[in-house]
Amino acid sequence: MAHSNQAKKRVRQNIKVEEQNRSIKSRLSTLIKSAFDAIDNKDDNANNIVRSAQSYIDRAAKKNIIHKNKASRTKARIDKYQKRTED
């Protein structure tokens, strides 16, 4: 239990930031899944969906919500999957 006013405020701030990060991570995983699904279904808008997912991955990495290496790895996996299914 926080005793000082500063510590109490940090607890409040951390709760707020955790909620924001949770929503961004949730949207991120949804976009990644939709990108893989679009590639699987050979959707006409697959390139746009993949591009938007990769853009959102970059934004999450820029805000330090995910690590930059994880962002790079995820984008590479999406690209690799897309190239493999195009053949």
C-alpha atoms as a PDB file:
ATOM      1  CA  MET A   1       0.000   0.000   0.000  1.00  0.00           C
ATOM      2  CA  ALA A   2       1.384   3.362  -1.003  1.00  0.00           C
ATOM      3  CA  HIS A   3       1.803   5.815   1.861  1.00  0.00           C
ATOM      4  CA  SER A   4       3.085   9.041   0.349  1.00  0.00           C
ATOM      5  CA  ASN A   5       1.012  11.221  -1.941  1.00  0.00           C
ATOM      6  CA  GLN A   6       3.583  10.780  -4.684  1.00  0.00           C
ATOM      7  CA  ALA A   7       3.368   6.989  -4.469  1.00  0.00           C
ATOM      8  CA  LYS A   8      -0.443   7.097  -4.488  1.00  0.00           C
ATOM      9  CA  LYS A   9      -0.390   9.261  -7.590  1.00  0.00           C
ATOM     10  CA  ARG A  10       2.042   6.874  -9.322  1.00  0.00           C
ATOM     11  CA  VAL A  11      -0.343   3.991  -8.596  1.00  0.00           C
ATOM     12  CA  ARG A  12      -3.204   5.932 -10.197  1.00  0.00           C
ATOM     13  CA  GLN A  13      -1.073   6.806 -13.212  1.00  0.00           C
ATOM     14  CA  ASN A  14       0.149   3.245 -13.655  1.00  0.00           C
ATOM     15  CA  ILE A  15      -3.401   1.908 -13.693  1.00  0.00           C
ATOM     16  CA  LYS A  16      -4.356   4.427 -16.378  1.00  0.00           C
ATOM     17  CA  VAL A  17      -1.335   3.622 -18.557  1.00  0.00           C
ATOM     18  CA  GLU A  18      -1.868  -0.137 -18.161  1.00  0.00           C
ATOM     19  CA  GLU A  19      -5.416   0.217 -19.483  1.00  0.00           C
ATOM     20  CA  GLN A  20      -4.226   2.200 -22.496  1.00  0.00           C
ATOM     21  CA  ASN A  21      -1.450  -0.274 -23.245  1.00  0.00           C
ATOM     22  CA  ARG A  22      -3.833  -3.207 -22.867  1.00  0.00           C
ATOM     23  CA  SER A  23      -6.201  -1.774 -25.467  1.00  0.00           C
ATOM     24  CA  ILE A  24      -3.342  -1.097 -27.891  1.00  0.00           C
ATOM     25  CA  LYS A  25      -1.955  -4.629 -27.438  1.00  0.00           C
ATOM     26  CA  SER A  26      -5.412  -6.082 -27.979  1.00  0.00           C
ATOM     27  CA  ARG A  27      -5.891  -4.136 -31.211  1.00  0.00           C
ATOM     28  CA  LEU A  28      -2.394  -5.126 -32.275  1.00  0.00           C
ATOM     29  CA  SER A  29      -3.057  -8.841 -31.875  1.00  0.00           C
ATOM     30  CA  THR A  30      -6.384  -8.466 -33.682  1.00  0.00           C
ATOM     31  CA  LEU A  31      -4.700  -6.738 -36.628  1.00  0.00           C
ATOM     32  CA  ILE A  32      -1.982  -9.388 -36.797  1.00  0.00           C
ATOM     33  CA  LYS A  33      -4.562 -12.173 -36.824  1.00  0.00           C
ATOM     34  CA  SER A  34      -6.605 -10.400 -39.485  1.00  0.00           C
ATOM     35  CA  ALA A  35      -3.469  -9.987 -41.623  1.00  0.00           C
ATOM     36  CA  PHE A  36      -2.763 -13.724 -41.489  1.00  0.00           C
ATOM     37  CA  ASP A  37      -6.428 -14.491 -42.184  1.00  0.00           C
ATOM     38  CA  ALA A  38      -6.472 -12.154 -45.174  1.00  0.00           C
ATOM     39  CA  ILE A  39      -3.376 -13.848 -46.565  1.00  0.00           C
ATOM     40  CA  ASP A  40      -4.929 -17.296 -46.009  1.00  0.00           C
ATOM     41  CA  ASN A  41      -8.191 -16.347 -47.702  1.00  0.00           C
ATOM     42  CA  LYS A  42      -6.375 -14.657 -50.595  1.00  0.00           C
ATOM     43  CA  ASP A  43      -8.366 -11.520 -49.893  1.00  0.00           C
ATOM     44  CA  ASP A  44      -8.230  -8.720 -52.465  1.00  0.00           C
ATOM     45  CA  ASN A  45      -7.358  -6.216 -49.743  1.00  0.00           C
ATOM     46  CA  ALA A  46      -4.679  -8.442 -48.195  1.00  0.00           C
ATOM     47  CA  ASN A  47      -1.890  -5.995 -49.041  1.00  0.00           C
ATOM     48  CA  ASN A  48      -3.762  -3.104 -47.432  1.00  0.00           C
ATOM     49  CA  ILE A  49      -4.559  -5.141 -44.326  1.00  0.00           C
ATOM     50  CA  VAL A  50      -0.934  -6.262 -44.004  1.00  0.00           C
ATOM     51  CA  ARG A  51       0.287  -2.701 -44.516  1.00  0.00           C
ATOM     52  CA  SER A  52      -2.032  -1.336 -41.824  1.00  0.00           C
ATOM     53  CA  ALA A  53      -1.007  -4.109 -39.411  1.00  0.00           C
ATOM     54  CA  GLN A  54       2.665  -3.374 -39.968  1.00  0.00           C
ATOM     55  CA  SER A  55       2.074   0.334 -39.517  1.00  0.00           C
ATOM     56  CA  TYR A  56       0.311  -0.279 -36.209  1.00  0.00           C
ATOM     57  CA  ILE A  57       3.145  -2.596 -35.121  1.00  0.00           C
ATOM     58  CA  ASP A  58       5.624   0.208 -35.791  1.00  0.00           C
ATOM     59  CA  ARG A  59       3.538   2.698 -33.824  1.00  0.00           C
ATOM     60  CA  ALA A  60       3.299   0.330 -30.854  1.00  0.00           C
ATOM     61  CA  ALA A  61       7.063  -0.155 -30.919  1.00  0.00           C
ATOM     62  CA  LYS A  62       7.625   3.582 -31.137  1.00  0.00           C
ATOM     63  CA  LYS A  63       5.522   4.061 -27.990  1.00  0.00           C
ATOM     64  CA  ASN A  64       7.496   1.272 -26.241  1.00  0.00           C
ATOM     65  CA  ILE A  65       4.404  -0.874 -25.852  1.00  0.00           C
ATOM     66  CA  ILE A  66       6.233  -3.722 -27.544  1.00  0.00           C
ATOM     67  CA  HIS A  67       9.970  -4.093 -28.001  1.00  0.00           C
ATOM     68  CA  LYS A  68      11.409  -2.948 -31.316  1.00  0.00           C
ATOM     69  CA  ASN A  69      12.894  -6.395 -31.960  1.00  0.00           C
ATOM     70  CA  LYS A  70       9.505  -8.041 -31.427  1.00  0.00           C
ATOM     71  CA  ALA A  71       7.984  -5.554 -33.854  1.00  0.00           C
ATOM     72  CA  SER A  72      10.622  -6.334 -36.461  1.00  0.00           C
ATOM     73  CA  ARG A  73      10.253 -10.077 -35.945  1.00  0.00           C
ATOM     74  CA  THR A  74       6.456  -9.950 -36.251  1.00  0.00           C
ATOM     75  CA  LYS A  75       6.603  -7.870 -39.424  1.00  0.00           C
ATOM     76  CA  ALA A  76       9.151 -10.276 -40.904  1.00  0.00           C
ATOM     77  CA  ARG A  77       6.930 -13.247 -40.107  1.00  0.00           C
ATOM     78  CA  ILE A  78       3.960 -11.611 -41.807  1.00  0.00           C
ATOM     79  CA  ASP A  79       6.056 -10.810 -44.902  1.00  0.00           C
ATOM     80  CA  LYS A  80       7.501 -14.316 -45.010  1.00  0.00           C
ATOM     81  CA  TYR A  81       4.040 -15.850 -44.716  1.00  0.00           C
ATOM     82  CA  GLN A  82       2.683 -13.623 -47.460  1.00  0.00           C
ATOM     83  CA  LYS A  83       5.539 -14.469 -49.842  1.00  0.00           C
ATOM     84  CA  ARG A  84       5.201 -18.180 -49.143  1.00  0.00           C
ATOM     85  CA  THR A  85       1.474 -18.223 -49.913  1.00  0.00           C
ATOM     86  CA  GLU A  86       1.784 -16.153 -53.105  1.00  0.00           C
ATOM     87  CA  ASP A  87       3.516 -19.016 -54.884  1.00  0.00           C
END
